[in-house]
Amino acid sequence: VSPSWYASTAEHGRVVPTWNYVTAHVRGT
């Protein structure tokens, strides 16, 4: 996720890149 996509970037610039994801850790025998 690029900060350049955020409206907040133009408003205050206090943004950083991040990573979106979906995951599950399934535990068992």
ModelCIF file with pLDDT and N, C-alpha, C, O atoms, coordinates in Angstrom:
data_MODEL
#
_entry.id   MODEL 
#
_entity.id                         1 
_entity.type                       polymer 
_entity.pdbx_number_of_molecules   1 
#
_entity_poly.entity_id                      1 
_entity_poly.type                           'polypeptide(L)' 
_entity_poly.nstd_linkage                   no 
_entity_poly.nstd_monomer                   no 
_entity_poly.pdbx_seq_one_letter_code       VSPSWYASTAEHGRVVPTWNYVTAHVRGT 
_entity_poly.pdbx_seq_one_letter_code_can   VSPSWYASTAEHGRVVPTWNYVTAHVRGT 
_entity_poly.pdbx_strand_id                 A 
#
loop_
_entity_poly_seq.entity_id 
_entity_poly_seq.num 
_entity_poly_seq.mon_id 
_entity_poly_seq.hetero 
1 1  VAL n 
1 2  SER n 
1 3  PRO n 
1 4  SER n 
1 5  TRP n 
1 6  TYR n 
1 7  ALA n 
1 8  SER n 
1 9  THR n 
1 10 ALA n 
1 11 GLU n 
1 12 HIS n 
1 13 GLY n 
1 14 ARG n 
1 15 VAL n 
1 16 VAL n 
1 17 PRO n 
1 18 THR n 
1 19 TRP n 
1 20 ASN n 
1 21 TYR n 
1 22 VAL n 
1 23 THR n 
1 24 ALA n 
1 25 HIS n 
1 26 VAL n 
1 27 ARG n 
1 28 GLY n 
1 29 THR n 
#
_struct_asym.id          A 
_struct_asym.entity_id   1 
#
loop_
_ma_qa_metric.id 
_ma_qa_metric.mode 
_ma_qa_metric.name 
_ma_qa_metric.software_group_id 
_ma_qa_metric.type 
1 global pLDDT . pLDDT 
2 local  pLDDT . pLDDT 
#
_ma_qa_metric_global.metric_id      1 
_ma_qa_metric_global.metric_value   95.00 
_ma_qa_metric_global.model_id       1 
_ma_qa_metric_global.ordinal_id     1 
#
loop_
_ma_qa_metric_local.label_asym_id 
_ma_qa_metric_local.label_comp_id 
_ma_qa_metric_local.label_seq_id 
_ma_qa_metric_local.metric_id 
_ma_qa_metric_local.metric_value 
_ma_qa_metric_local.model_id 
_ma_qa_metric_local.ordinal_id 
A VAL 1  2 98.00 1 1  
A SER 2  2 97.00 1 2  
A PRO 3  2 96.00 1 3  
A SER 4  2 96.00 1 4  
A TRP 5  2 97.00 1 5  
A TYR 6  2 95.00 1 6  
A ALA 7  2 93.00 1 7  
A SER 8  2 93.00 1 8  
A THR 9  2 91.00 1 9  
A ALA 10 2 87.00 1 10 
A GLU 11 2 87.00 1 11 
A HIS 12 2 92.00 1 12 
A GLY 13 2 88.00 1 13 
A ARG 14 2 90.00 1 14 
A VAL 15 2 91.00 1 15 
A VAL 16 2 95.00 1 16 
A PRO 17 2 97.00 1 17 
A THR 18 2 97.00 1 18 
A TRP 19 2 98.00 1 19 
A ASN 20 2 98.00 1 20 
A TYR 21 2 98.00 1 21 
A VAL 22 2 97.00 1 22 
A THR 23 2 97.00 1 23 
A ALA 24 2 97.00 1 24 
A HIS 25 2 98.00 1 25 
A VAL 26 2 98.00 1 26 
A ARG 27 2 98.00 1 27 
A GLY 28 2 98.00 1 28 
A THR 29 2 98.00 1 29 
#
loop_
_atom_site.group_PDB 
_atom_site.id 
_atom_site.type_symbol 
_atom_site.label_atom_id 
_atom_site.label_alt_id 
_atom_site.label_comp_id 
_atom_site.label_asym_id 
_atom_site.label_entity_id 
_atom_site.label_seq_id 
_atom_site.pdbx_PDB_ins_code 
_atom_site.Cartn_x 
_atom_site.Cartn_y 
_atom_site.Cartn_z 
_atom_site.occupancy 
_atom_site.B_iso_or_equiv 
_atom_site.pdbx_formal_charge 
_atom_site.auth_seq_id 
_atom_site.auth_comp_id 
_atom_site.auth_asym_id 
_atom_site.auth_atom_id 
_atom_site.pdbx_PDB_model_num 
ATOM 1   N N  . VAL A 1 1  ? 0.855  -1.188  0.000  1.00 98.00 ? 1  VAL A N  1 
ATOM 2   C CA . VAL A 1 1  ? 0.000  0.000   0.000  1.00 98.00 ? 1  VAL A CA 1 
ATOM 3   C C  . VAL A 1 1  ? 0.891  1.238   0.000  1.00 98.00 ? 1  VAL A C  1 
ATOM 4   O O  . VAL A 1 1  ? 1.663  1.456   0.934  1.00 98.00 ? 1  VAL A O  1 
ATOM 5   N N  . SER A 1 2  ? 0.781  2.035   -1.038 1.00 97.00 ? 2  SER A N  1 
ATOM 6   C CA . SER A 1 2  ? 1.596  3.238   -1.182 1.00 97.00 ? 2  SER A CA 1 
ATOM 7   C C  . SER A 1 2  ? 0.946  4.432   -0.482 1.00 97.00 ? 2  SER A C  1 
ATOM 8   O O  . SER A 1 2  ? -0.261 4.633   -0.617 1.00 97.00 ? 2  SER A O  1 
ATOM 9   N N  . PRO A 1 3  ? 1.720  5.232   0.266  1.00 96.00 ? 3  PRO A N  1 
ATOM 10  C CA . PRO A 1 3  ? 1.171  6.443   0.869  1.00 96.00 ? 3  PRO A CA 1 
ATOM 11  C C  . PRO A 1 3  ? 0.648  7.432   -0.178 1.00 96.00 ? 3  PRO A C  1 
ATOM 12  O O  . PRO A 1 3  ? -0.171 8.298   0.132  1.00 96.00 ? 3  PRO A O  1 
ATOM 13  N N  . SER A 1 4  ? 1.125  7.297   -1.410 1.00 96.00 ? 4  SER A N  1 
ATOM 14  C CA . SER A 1 4  ? 0.663  8.215   -2.461 1.00 96.00 ? 4  SER A CA 1 
ATOM 15  C C  . SER A 1 4  ? -0.821 8.032   -2.772 1.00 96.00 ? 4  SER A C  1 
ATOM 16  O O  . SER A 1 4  ? -1.424 8.878   -3.431 1.00 96.00 ? 4  SER A O  1 
ATOM 17  N N  . TRP A 1 5  ? -1.412 6.932   -2.303 1.00 97.00 ? 5  TRP A N  1 
ATOM 18  C CA . TRP A 1 5  ? -2.836 6.690   -2.544 1.00 97.00 ? 5  TRP A CA 1 
ATOM 19  C C  . TRP A 1 5  ? -3.726 7.351   -1.501 1.00 97.00 ? 5  TRP A C  1 
ATOM 20  O O  . TRP A 1 5  ? -4.935 7.464   -1.702 1.00 97.00 ? 5  TRP A O  1 
ATOM 21  N N  . TYR A 1 6  ? -3.142 7.786   -0.392 1.00 95.00 ? 6  TYR A N  1 
ATOM 22  C CA . TYR A 1 6  ? -3.932 8.341   0.705  1.00 95.00 ? 6  TYR A CA 1 
ATOM 23  C C  . TYR A 1 6  ? -4.264 9.810   0.472  1.00 95.00 ? 6  TYR A C  1 
ATOM 24  O O  . TYR A 1 6  ? -3.414 10.592  0.048  1.00 95.00 ? 6  TYR A O  1 
ATOM 25  N N  . ALA A 1 7  ? -5.508 10.169  0.753  1.00 93.00 ? 7  ALA A N  1 
ATOM 26  C CA . ALA A 1 7  ? -5.862 11.586  0.803  1.00 93.00 ? 7  ALA A CA 1 
ATOM 27  C C  . ALA A 1 7  ? -5.098 12.275  1.935  1.00 93.00 ? 7  ALA A C  1 
ATOM 28  O O  . ALA A 1 7  ? -4.783 13.461  1.837  1.00 93.00 ? 7  ALA A O  1 
ATOM 29  N N  . SER A 1 8  ? -4.804 11.542  2.999  1.00 93.00 ? 8  SER A N  1 
ATOM 30  C CA . SER A 1 8  ? -4.093 12.106  4.157  1.00 93.00 ? 8  SER A CA 1 
ATOM 31  C C  . SER A 1 8  ? -2.703 12.617  3.798  1.00 93.00 ? 8  SER A C  1 
ATOM 32  O O  . SER A 1 8  ? -2.172 13.492  4.483  1.00 93.00 ? 8  SER A O  1 
ATOM 33  N N  . THR A 1 9  ? -2.112 12.085  2.741  1.00 91.00 ? 9  THR A N  1 
ATOM 34  C CA . THR A 1 9  ? -0.777 12.518  2.341  1.00 91.00 ? 9  THR A CA 1 
ATOM 35  C C  . THR A 1 9  ? -0.773 14.001  2.010  1.00 91.00 ? 9  THR A C  1 
ATOM 36  O O  . THR A 1 9  ? 0.125  14.735  2.423  1.00 91.00 ? 9  THR A O  1 
ATOM 37  N N  . ALA A 1 10 ? -1.780 14.441  1.263  1.00 87.00 ? 10 ALA A N  1 
ATOM 38  C CA . ALA A 1 10 ? -1.864 15.859  0.906  1.00 87.00 ? 10 ALA A CA 1 
ATOM 39  C C  . ALA A 1 10 ? -2.270 16.721  2.095  1.00 87.00 ? 10 ALA A C  1 
ATOM 40  O O  . ALA A 1 10 ? -1.934 17.905  2.147  1.00 87.00 ? 10 ALA A O  1 
ATOM 41  N N  . GLU A 1 11 ? -2.991 16.136  3.049  1.00 87.00 ? 11 GLU A N  1 
ATOM 42  C CA . GLU A 1 11 ? -3.485 16.911  4.197  1.00 87.00 ? 11 GLU A CA 1 
ATOM 43  C C  . GLU A 1 11 ? -2.397 17.205  5.214  1.00 87.00 ? 11 GLU A C  1 
ATOM 44  O O  . GLU A 1 11 ? -2.248 18.344  5.657  1.00 87.00 ? 11 GLU A O  1 
ATOM 45  N N  . HIS A 1 12 ? -1.624 16.169  5.591  1.00 92.00 ? 12 HIS A N  1 
ATOM 46  C CA . HIS A 1 12 ? -0.641 16.392  6.661  1.00 92.00 ? 12 HIS A CA 1 
ATOM 47  C C  . HIS A 1 12 ? 0.676  15.643  6.451  1.00 92.00 ? 12 HIS A C  1 
ATOM 48  O O  . HIS A 1 12 ? 1.653  15.920  7.147  1.00 92.00 ? 12 HIS A O  1 
ATOM 49  N N  . GLY A 1 13 ? 0.721  14.708  5.513  1.00 88.00 ? 13 GLY A N  1 
ATOM 50  C CA . GLY A 1 13 ? 1.972  14.029  5.193  1.00 88.00 ? 13 GLY A CA 1 
ATOM 51  C C  . GLY A 1 13 ? 2.444  13.016  6.218  1.00 88.00 ? 13 GLY A C  1 
ATOM 52  O O  . GLY A 1 13 ? 3.493  12.401  6.026  1.00 88.00 ? 13 GLY A O  1 
ATOM 53  N N  . ARG A 1 14 ? 1.696  12.821  7.308  1.00 90.00 ? 14 ARG A N  1 
ATOM 54  C CA . ARG A 1 14 ? 2.131  11.876  8.341  1.00 90.00 ? 14 ARG A CA 1 
ATOM 55  C C  . ARG A 1 14 ? 1.631  10.471  8.001  1.00 90.00 ? 14 ARG A C  1 
ATOM 56  O O  . ARG A 1 14 ? 0.722  9.944   8.643  1.00 90.00 ? 14 ARG A O  1 
ATOM 57  N N  . VAL A 1 15 ? 2.234  9.892   6.998  1.00 91.00 ? 15 VAL A N  1 
ATOM 58  C CA . VAL A 1 15 ? 1.825  8.583   6.489  1.00 91.00 ? 15 VAL A CA 1 
ATOM 59  C C  . VAL A 1 15 ? 3.074  7.775   6.147  1.00 91.00 ? 15 VAL A C  1 
ATOM 60  O O  . VAL A 1 15 ? 4.143  8.334   5.901  1.00 91.00 ? 15 VAL A O  1 
ATOM 61  N N  . VAL A 1 16 ? 2.924  6.476   6.137  1.00 95.00 ? 16 VAL A N  1 
ATOM 62  C CA . VAL A 1 16 ? 4.026  5.580   5.773  1.00 95.00 ? 16 VAL A CA 1 
ATOM 63  C C  . VAL A 1 16 ? 3.475  4.449   4.900  1.00 95.00 ? 16 VAL A C  1 
ATOM 64  O O  . VAL A 1 16 ? 2.273  4.184   4.921  1.00 95.00 ? 16 VAL A O  1 
ATOM 65  N N  . PRO A 1 17 ? 4.332  3.788   4.142  1.00 97.00 ? 17 PRO A N  1 
ATOM 66  C CA . PRO A 1 17 ? 3.879  2.605   3.399  1.00 97.00 ? 17 PRO A CA 1 
ATOM 67  C C  . PRO A 1 17 ? 3.475  1.495   4.371  1.00 97.00 ? 17 PRO A C  1 
ATOM 68  O O  . PRO A 1 17 ? 3.899  1.481   5.527  1.00 97.00 ? 17 PRO A O  1 
ATOM 69  N N  . THR A 1 18 ? 2.664  0.585   3.893  1.00 97.00 ? 18 THR A N  1 
ATOM 70  C CA . THR A 1 18 ? 2.283  -0.566  4.714  1.00 97.00 ? 18 THR A CA 1 
ATOM 71  C C  . THR A 1 18 ? 1.962  -1.737  3.801  1.00 97.00 ? 18 THR A C  1 
ATOM 72  O O  . THR A 1 18 ? 2.074  -1.647  2.578  1.00 97.00 ? 18 THR A O  1 
ATOM 73  N N  . TRP A 1 19 ? 1.567  -2.821  4.413  1.00 98.00 ? 19 TRP A N  1 
ATOM 74  C CA . TRP A 1 19 ? 1.219  -4.034  3.666  1.00 98.00 ? 19 TRP A CA 1 
ATOM 75  C C  . TRP A 1 19 ? -0.148 -4.515  4.152  1.00 98.00 ? 19 TRP A C  1 
ATOM 76  O O  . TRP A 1 19 ? -0.361 -4.707  5.349  1.00 98.00 ? 19 TRP A O  1 
ATOM 77  N N  . ASN A 1 20 ? -1.054 -4.704  3.221  1.00 98.00 ? 20 ASN A N  1 
ATOM 78  C CA . ASN A 1 20 ? -2.347 -5.303  3.550  1.00 98.00 ? 20 ASN A CA 1 
ATOM 79  C C  . ASN A 1 20 ? -2.262 -6.800  3.324  1.00 98.00 ? 20 ASN A C  1 
ATOM 80  O O  . ASN A 1 20 ? -1.544 -7.257  2.434  1.00 98.00 ? 20 ASN A O  1 
ATOM 81  N N  . TYR A 1 21 ? -2.996 -7.574  4.131  1.00 98.00 ? 21 TYR A N  1 
ATOM 82  C CA . TYR A 1 21 ? -2.974 -9.024  3.950  1.00 98.00 ? 21 TYR A CA 1 
ATOM 83  C C  . TYR A 1 21 ? -4.116 -9.680  4.687  1.00 98.00 ? 21 TYR A C  1 
ATOM 84  O O  . TYR A 1 21 ? -4.727 -9.107  5.590  1.00 98.00 ? 21 TYR A O  1 
ATOM 85  N N  . VAL A 1 22 ? -4.382 -10.907 4.267  1.00 97.00 ? 22 VAL A N  1 
ATOM 86  C CA . VAL A 1 22 ? -5.373 -11.770 4.901  1.00 97.00 ? 22 VAL A CA 1 
ATOM 87  C C  . VAL A 1 22 ? -4.667 -13.089 5.208  1.00 97.00 ? 22 VAL A C  1 
ATOM 88  O O  . VAL A 1 22 ? -4.056 -13.689 4.324  1.00 97.00 ? 22 VAL A O  1 
ATOM 89  N N  . THR A 1 23 ? -4.750 -13.539 6.452  1.00 97.00 ? 23 THR A N  1 
ATOM 90  C CA . THR A 1 23 ? -4.082 -14.790 6.797  1.00 97.00 ? 23 THR A CA 1 
ATOM 91  C C  . THR A 1 23 ? -4.782 -15.468 7.964  1.00 97.00 ? 23 THR A C  1 
ATOM 92  O O  . THR A 1 23 ? -5.475 -14.826 8.753  1.00 97.00 ? 23 THR A O  1 
ATOM 93  N N  . ALA A 1 24 ? -4.588 -16.769 8.056  1.00 97.00 ? 24 ALA A N  1 
ATOM 94  C CA . ALA A 1 24 ? -5.058 -17.533 9.207  1.00 97.00 ? 24 ALA A CA 1 
ATOM 95  C C  . ALA A 1 24 ? -3.975 -18.529 9.597  1.00 97.00 ? 24 ALA A C  1 
ATOM 96  O O  . ALA A 1 24 ? -3.354 -19.158 8.739  1.00 97.00 ? 24 ALA A O  1 
ATOM 97  N N  . HIS A 1 25 ? -3.758 -18.664 10.896 1.00 98.00 ? 25 HIS A N  1 
ATOM 98  C CA . HIS A 1 25 ? -2.872 -19.692 11.427 1.00 98.00 ? 25 HIS A CA 1 
ATOM 99  C C  . HIS A 1 25 ? -3.759 -20.775 12.029 1.00 98.00 ? 25 HIS A C  1 
ATOM 100 O O  . HIS A 1 25 ? -4.424 -20.562 13.043 1.00 98.00 ? 25 HIS A O  1 
ATOM 101 N N  . VAL A 1 26 ? -3.757 -21.929 11.394 1.00 98.00 ? 26 VAL A N  1 
ATOM 102 C CA . VAL A 1 26 ? -4.624 -23.034 11.808 1.00 98.00 ? 26 VAL A CA 1 
ATOM 103 C C  . VAL A 1 26 ? -3.751 -24.076 12.495 1.00 98.00 ? 26 VAL A C  1 
ATOM 104 O O  . VAL A 1 26 ? -2.836 -24.633 11.888 1.00 98.00 ? 26 VAL A O  1 
ATOM 105 N N  . ARG A 1 27 ? -4.044 -24.334 13.773 1.00 98.00 ? 27 ARG A N  1 
ATOM 106 C CA . ARG A 1 27 ? -3.224 -25.247 14.563 1.00 98.00 ? 27 ARG A CA 1 
ATOM 107 C C  . ARG A 1 27 ? -4.022 -26.500 14.920 1.00 98.00 ? 27 ARG A C  1 
ATOM 108 O O  . ARG A 1 27 ? -5.237 -26.444 15.113 1.00 98.00 ? 27 ARG A O  1 
ATOM 109 N N  . GLY A 1 28 ? -3.331 -27.612 15.003 1.00 98.00 ? 28 GLY A N  1 
ATOM 110 C CA . GLY A 1 28 ? -3.987 -28.851 15.387 1.00 98.00 ? 28 GLY A CA 1 
ATOM 111 C C  . GLY A 1 28 ? -3.047 -30.030 15.301 1.00 98.00 ? 28 GLY A C  1 
ATOM 112 O O  . GLY A 1 28 ? -1.839 -29.874 15.127 1.00 98.00 ? 28 GLY A O  1 
ATOM 113 N N  . THR A 1 29 ? -3.616 -31.205 15.425 1.00 98.00 ? 29 THR A N  1 
ATOM 114 C CA . THR A 1 29 ? -2.854 -32.447 15.367 1.00 98.00 ? 29 THR A CA 1 
ATOM 115 C C  . THR A 1 29 ? -2.878 -32.997 13.946 1.00 98.00 ? 29 THR A C  1 
ATOM 116 O O  . THR A 1 29 ? -2.291 -34.046 13.680 1.00 98.00 ? 29 THR A O  1 
#
